[in-house]
């Protein structure tokens, strides 16, 4: 084989490598450009959801404080049953995180990552079950403490 043929083969290999790298870089760039609008929209939706969640949390917390739920729990000496956590703050926090999960699920749909979107949808479906479980546990703890206080207050 002559030197010229080997030189041409080397140039062909280099050219094909450069073309392959350019194609790969171009496809990565195109995928990145394709994701950007969805990513920006997802961030905007998530931020809006976070703001809405904070506002609703404050509204629920204030409503429960005005309804004197926390005072009712304190007057009956039940606050130790739930670790001295204010009921109004607990309810507000649960609602806040549920709203954030709702908006996060919608934001992930816009990013077009199917695995994350599916996981977020499952999470959103699962949160009400967890919230109801927490509610039943809190009510059970309060009731148990109430009965315990009544038993301790008897003279028998």
C-alpha atoms as a PDB file:
ATOM      1  CA  UNK A   1       0.000   0.000   0.000  1.00  0.00           C
ATOM      2  CA  UNK A   2       1.256   3.347  -0.866  1.00  0.00           C
ATOM      3  CA  UNK A   3       1.678   6.209   1.489  1.00  0.00           C
ATOM      4  CA  UNK A   4      -0.965   8.199  -0.374  1.00  0.00           C
ATOM      5  CA  UNK A   5      -3.630   5.512   0.119  1.00  0.00           C
ATOM      6  CA  UNK A   6      -2.851   5.263   3.844  1.00  0.00           C
ATOM      7  CA  UNK A   7      -2.988   9.029   4.123  1.00  0.00           C
ATOM      8  CA  UNK A   8      -6.411   9.101   2.427  1.00  0.00           C
ATOM      9  CA  UNK A   9      -7.700   6.324   4.718  1.00  0.00           C
ATOM     10  CA  UNK A  10      -6.543   8.247   7.770  1.00  0.00           C
ATOM     11  CA  UNK A  11      -8.277  11.394   6.489  1.00  0.00           C
ATOM     12  CA  UNK A  12     -11.472   9.420   5.857  1.00  0.00           C
ATOM     13  CA  UNK A  13     -11.405   8.047   9.414  1.00  0.00           C
ATOM     14  CA  UNK A  14     -10.795  11.522  10.848  1.00  0.00           C
ATOM     15  CA  UNK A  15     -13.573  13.026   8.710  1.00  0.00           C
ATOM     16  CA  UNK A  16     -16.068  10.321   9.674  1.00  0.00           C
ATOM     17  CA  UNK A  17     -15.168  10.781  13.352  1.00  0.00           C
ATOM     18  CA  UNK A  18     -15.630  14.554  13.100  1.00  0.00           C
ATOM     19  CA  UNK A  19     -18.977  14.105  11.341  1.00  0.00           C
ATOM     20  CA  UNK A  20     -20.124  11.606  14.001  1.00  0.00           C
ATOM     21  CA  UNK A  21     -19.117  14.007  16.783  1.00  0.00           C
ATOM     22  CA  UNK A  22     -20.869  16.905  15.049  1.00  0.00           C
ATOM     23  CA  UNK A  23     -24.036  14.838  14.643  1.00  0.00           C
ATOM     24  CA  UNK A  24     -23.956  13.795  18.295  1.00  0.00           C
ATOM     25  CA  UNK A  25     -23.336  17.358  19.448  1.00  0.00           C
ATOM     26  CA  UNK A  26     -26.102  18.649  17.198  1.00  0.00           C
ATOM     27  CA  UNK A  27     -28.598  16.095  18.483  1.00  0.00           C
ATOM     28  CA  UNK A  28     -27.717  16.968  22.108  1.00  0.00           C
ATOM     29  CA  UNK A  29     -28.109  20.661  21.309  1.00  0.00           C
ATOM     30  CA  UNK A  30     -31.460  20.070  19.588  1.00  0.00           C
ATOM     31  CA  UNK A  31     -32.732  18.052  22.555  1.00  0.00           C
ATOM     32  CA  UNK A  32     -31.580  20.801  24.910  1.00  0.00           C
ATOM     33  CA  UNK A  33     -33.289  23.501  22.841  1.00  0.00           C
ATOM     34  CA  UNK A  34     -36.426  21.361  22.703  1.00  0.00           C
ATOM     35  CA  UNK A  35     -36.550  21.016  26.505  1.00  0.00           C
ATOM     36  CA  UNK A  36     -35.874  24.685  27.375  1.00  0.00           C
ATOM     37  CA  UNK A  37     -39.407  26.074  26.768  1.00  0.00           C
ATOM     38  CA  UNK A  38     -40.966  23.262  28.800  1.00  0.00           C
ATOM     39  CA  UNK A  39     -38.392  23.726  31.541  1.00  0.00           C
ATOM     40  CA  UNK A  40     -39.052  27.459  31.764  1.00  0.00           C
ATOM     41  CA  UNK A  41     -42.814  26.862  31.813  1.00  0.00           C
ATOM     42  CA  UNK A  42     -42.363  24.184  34.487  1.00  0.00           C
ATOM     43  CA  UNK A  43     -40.374  26.536  36.716  1.00  0.00           C
ATOM     44  CA  UNK A  44     -43.006  29.261  36.289  1.00  0.00           C
ATOM     45  CA  UNK A  45     -45.846  26.848  37.093  1.00  0.00           C
ATOM     46  CA  UNK A  46     -44.003  25.506  40.128  1.00  0.00           C
ATOM     47  CA  UNK A  47     -43.315  29.017  41.453  1.00  0.00           C
ATOM     48  CA  UNK A  48     -46.957  30.005  40.973  1.00  0.00           C
ATOM     49  CA  UNK A  49     -47.996  26.830  42.783  1.00  0.00           C
ATOM     50  CA  UNK A  50     -45.607  27.552  45.635  1.00  0.00           C
ATOM     51  CA  UNK A  51     -46.975  31.067  46.059  1.00  0.00           C
ATOM     52  CA  UNK A  52     -50.569  29.816  45.961  1.00  0.00           C
ATOM     53  CA  UNK A  53     -49.712  27.075  48.476  1.00  0.00           C
ATOM     54  CA  UNK A  54     -48.173  29.582  50.887  1.00  0.00           C
ATOM     55  CA  UNK A  55     -51.198  31.892  50.634  1.00  0.00           C
ATOM     56  CA  UNK A  56     -53.677  29.057  51.195  1.00  0.00           C
ATOM     57  CA  UNK A  57     -51.582  27.728  54.083  1.00  0.00           C
ATOM     58  CA  UNK A  58     -51.754  31.128  55.776  1.00  0.00           C
ATOM     59  CA  UNK A  59     -55.507  31.365  55.157  1.00  0.00           C
ATOM     60  CA  UNK A  60     -56.171  27.909  56.624  1.00  0.00           C
ATOM     61  CA  UNK A  61     -53.881  28.545  59.579  1.00  0.00           C
ATOM     62  CA  UNK A  62     -55.588  31.876  60.338  1.00  0.00           C
ATOM     63  CA  UNK A  63     -59.079  30.378  59.946  1.00  0.00           C
ATOM     64  CA  UNK A  64     -58.291  27.571  62.365  1.00  0.00           C
ATOM     65  CA  UNK A  65     -56.680  30.012  64.797  1.00  0.00           C
ATOM     66  CA  UNK A  66     -59.787  32.223  64.666  1.00  0.00           C
ATOM     67  CA  UNK A  67     -61.927  29.138  65.198  1.00  0.00           C
ATOM     68  CA  UNK A  68     -59.824  28.669  68.375  1.00  0.00           C
ATOM     69  CA  UNK A  69     -59.029  25.054  67.563  1.00  0.00           C
ATOM     70  CA  UNK A  70     -55.579  25.381  69.135  1.00  0.00           C
ATOM     71  CA  UNK A  71     -57.039  27.000  72.259  1.00  0.00           C
ATOM     72  CA  UNK A  72     -59.638  24.232  72.533  1.00  0.00           C
ATOM     73  CA  UNK A  73     -56.834  21.650  72.432  1.00  0.00           C
ATOM     74  CA  UNK A  74     -54.817  23.592  75.036  1.00  0.00           C
ATOM     75  CA  UNK A  75     -57.807  24.091  77.360  1.00  0.00           C
ATOM     76  CA  UNK A  76     -58.342  20.349  77.492  1.00  0.00           C
ATOM     77  CA  UNK A  77     -54.609  19.762  78.017  1.00  0.00           C
ATOM     78  CA  UNK A  78     -54.360  17.699  74.856  1.00  0.00           C
ATOM     79  CA  UNK A  79     -51.412  19.432  73.171  1.00  0.00           C
ATOM     80  CA  UNK A  80     -48.889  16.931  74.545  1.00  0.00           C
ATOM     81  CA  UNK A  81     -50.699  14.150  72.663  1.00  0.00           C
ATOM     82  CA  UNK A  82     -49.469  15.514  69.332  1.00  0.00           C
ATOM     83  CA  UNK A  83     -46.084  16.778  70.413  1.00  0.00           C
ATOM     84  CA  UNK A  84     -47.267  20.320  71.152  1.00  0.00           C
ATOM     85  CA  UNK A  85     -47.783  20.921  67.441  1.00  0.00           C
ATOM     86  CA  UNK A  86     -50.507  23.440  66.721  1.00  0.00           C
ATOM     87  CA  UNK A  87     -53.420  21.864  64.859  1.00  0.00           C
ATOM     88  CA  UNK A  88     -53.748  24.985  62.712  1.00  0.00           C
ATOM     89  CA  UNK A  89     -50.109  24.764  61.612  1.00  0.00           C
ATOM     90  CA  UNK A  90     -50.367  21.026  60.959  1.00  0.00           C
ATOM     91  CA  UNK A  91     -53.458  21.418  58.769  1.00  0.00           C
ATOM     92  CA  UNK A  92     -51.981  24.419  56.945  1.00  0.00           C
ATOM     93  CA  UNK A  93     -48.748  22.535  56.293  1.00  0.00           C
ATOM     94  CA  UNK A  94     -50.525  19.462  54.939  1.00  0.00           C
ATOM     95  CA  UNK A  95     -52.600  21.562  52.550  1.00  0.00           C
ATOM     96  CA  UNK A  96     -49.529  23.535  51.464  1.00  0.00           C
ATOM     97  CA  UNK A  97     -47.555  20.422  50.547  1.00  0.00           C
ATOM     98  CA  UNK A  98     -50.506  18.887  48.737  1.00  0.00           C
ATOM     99  CA  UNK A  99     -50.885  21.990  46.574  1.00  0.00           C
ATOM    100  CA  UNK A 100     -47.136  22.025  45.893  1.00  0.00           C
ATOM    101  CA  UNK A 101     -47.322  18.363  44.832  1.00  0.00           C
ATOM    102  CA  UNK A 102     -50.223  19.152  42.477  1.00  0.00           C
ATOM    103  CA  UNK A 103     -48.302  21.949  40.781  1.00  0.00           C
ATOM    104  CA  UNK A 104     -45.080  19.922  40.731  1.00  0.00           C
ATOM    105  CA  UNK A 105     -46.871  17.088  38.932  1.00  0.00           C
ATOM    106  CA  UNK A 106     -48.124  19.497  36.275  1.00  0.00           C
ATOM    107  CA  UNK A 107     -44.697  21.108  35.957  1.00  0.00           C
ATOM    108  CA  UNK A 108     -43.051  17.727  35.400  1.00  0.00           C
ATOM    109  CA  UNK A 109     -45.484  16.958  32.583  1.00  0.00           C
ATOM    110  CA  UNK A 110     -44.167  20.030  30.747  1.00  0.00           C
ATOM    111  CA  UNK A 111     -40.570  18.834  31.013  1.00  0.00           C
ATOM    112  CA  UNK A 112     -41.627  15.682  29.128  1.00  0.00           C
ATOM    113  CA  UNK A 113     -39.859  13.211  31.373  1.00  0.00           C
ATOM    114  CA  UNK A 114     -42.394  10.389  31.527  1.00  0.00           C
ATOM    115  CA  UNK A 115     -40.862   8.620  34.529  1.00  0.00           C
ATOM    116  CA  UNK A 116     -40.963  11.731  36.697  1.00  0.00           C
ATOM    117  CA  UNK A 117     -44.449  12.655  35.495  1.00  0.00           C
ATOM    118  CA  UNK A 118     -45.759   9.196  36.369  1.00  0.00           C
ATOM    119  CA  UNK A 119     -44.115   9.291  39.785  1.00  0.00           C
ATOM    120  CA  UNK A 120     -45.554  12.735  40.514  1.00  0.00           C
ATOM    121  CA  UNK A 121     -49.033  11.570  39.490  1.00  0.00           C
ATOM    122  CA  UNK A 122     -48.737   8.628  41.886  1.00  0.00           C
ATOM    123  CA  UNK A 123     -47.533  10.963  44.617  1.00  0.00           C
ATOM    124  CA  UNK A 124     -50.478  13.317  44.102  1.00  0.00           C
ATOM    125  CA  UNK A 125     -52.878  10.372  44.283  1.00  0.00           C
ATOM    126  CA  UNK A 126     -51.163   9.070  47.417  1.00  0.00           C
ATOM    127  CA  UNK A 127     -51.051  12.317  49.436  1.00  0.00           C
ATOM    128  CA  UNK A 128     -54.786  12.449  50.330  1.00  0.00           C
ATOM    129  CA  UNK A 129     -54.505   8.933  51.751  1.00  0.00           C
ATOM    130  CA  UNK A 130     -51.535   9.987  53.868  1.00  0.00           C
ATOM    131  CA  UNK A 131     -53.307  13.190  54.952  1.00  0.00           C
ATOM    132  CA  UNK A 132     -56.389  11.218  55.997  1.00  0.00           C
ATOM    133  CA  UNK A 133     -54.156   8.793  57.892  1.00  0.00           C
ATOM    134  CA  UNK A 134     -52.454  11.659  59.693  1.00  0.00           C
ATOM    135  CA  UNK A 135     -55.857  13.142  60.532  1.00  0.00           C
ATOM    136  CA  UNK A 136     -57.055   9.844  62.020  1.00  0.00           C
ATOM    137  CA  UNK A 137     -53.843   9.425  63.992  1.00  0.00           C
ATOM    138  CA  UNK A 138     -54.076  12.969  65.378  1.00  0.00           C
ATOM    139  CA  UNK A 139     -57.743  12.498  66.285  1.00  0.00           C
ATOM    140  CA  UNK A 140     -56.929   9.159  67.903  1.00  0.00           C
ATOM    141  CA  UNK A 141     -54.085  10.672  69.918  1.00  0.00           C
ATOM    142  CA  UNK A 142     -56.274  13.576  71.024  1.00  0.00           C
ATOM    143  CA  UNK A 143     -59.101  11.236  72.019  1.00  0.00           C
ATOM    144  CA  UNK A 144     -56.709   8.958  73.917  1.00  0.00           C
ATOM    145  CA  UNK A 145     -55.224  11.924  75.783  1.00  0.00           C
ATOM    146  CA  UNK A 146     -58.710  13.262  76.530  1.00  0.00           C
ATOM    147  CA  UNK A 147     -59.775   9.906  77.990  1.00  0.00           C
ATOM    148  CA  UNK A 148     -56.523   9.674  79.936  1.00  0.00           C
ATOM    149  CA  UNK A 149     -57.080  13.130  81.406  1.00  0.00           C
ATOM    150  CA  UNK A 150     -60.663  12.220  82.367  1.00  0.00           C
ATOM    151  CA  UNK A 151     -59.521   9.011  84.051  1.00  0.00           C
ATOM    152  CA  UNK A 152     -56.792  10.831  85.979  1.00  0.00           C
ATOM    153  CA  UNK A 153     -59.292  13.496  87.078  1.00  0.00           C
ATOM    154  CA  UNK A 154     -61.643  10.975  88.690  1.00  0.00           C
ATOM    155  CA  UNK A 155     -61.528  10.435  92.453  1.00  0.00           C
ATOM    156  CA  UNK A 156     -62.102   6.713  92.322  1.00  0.00           C
END
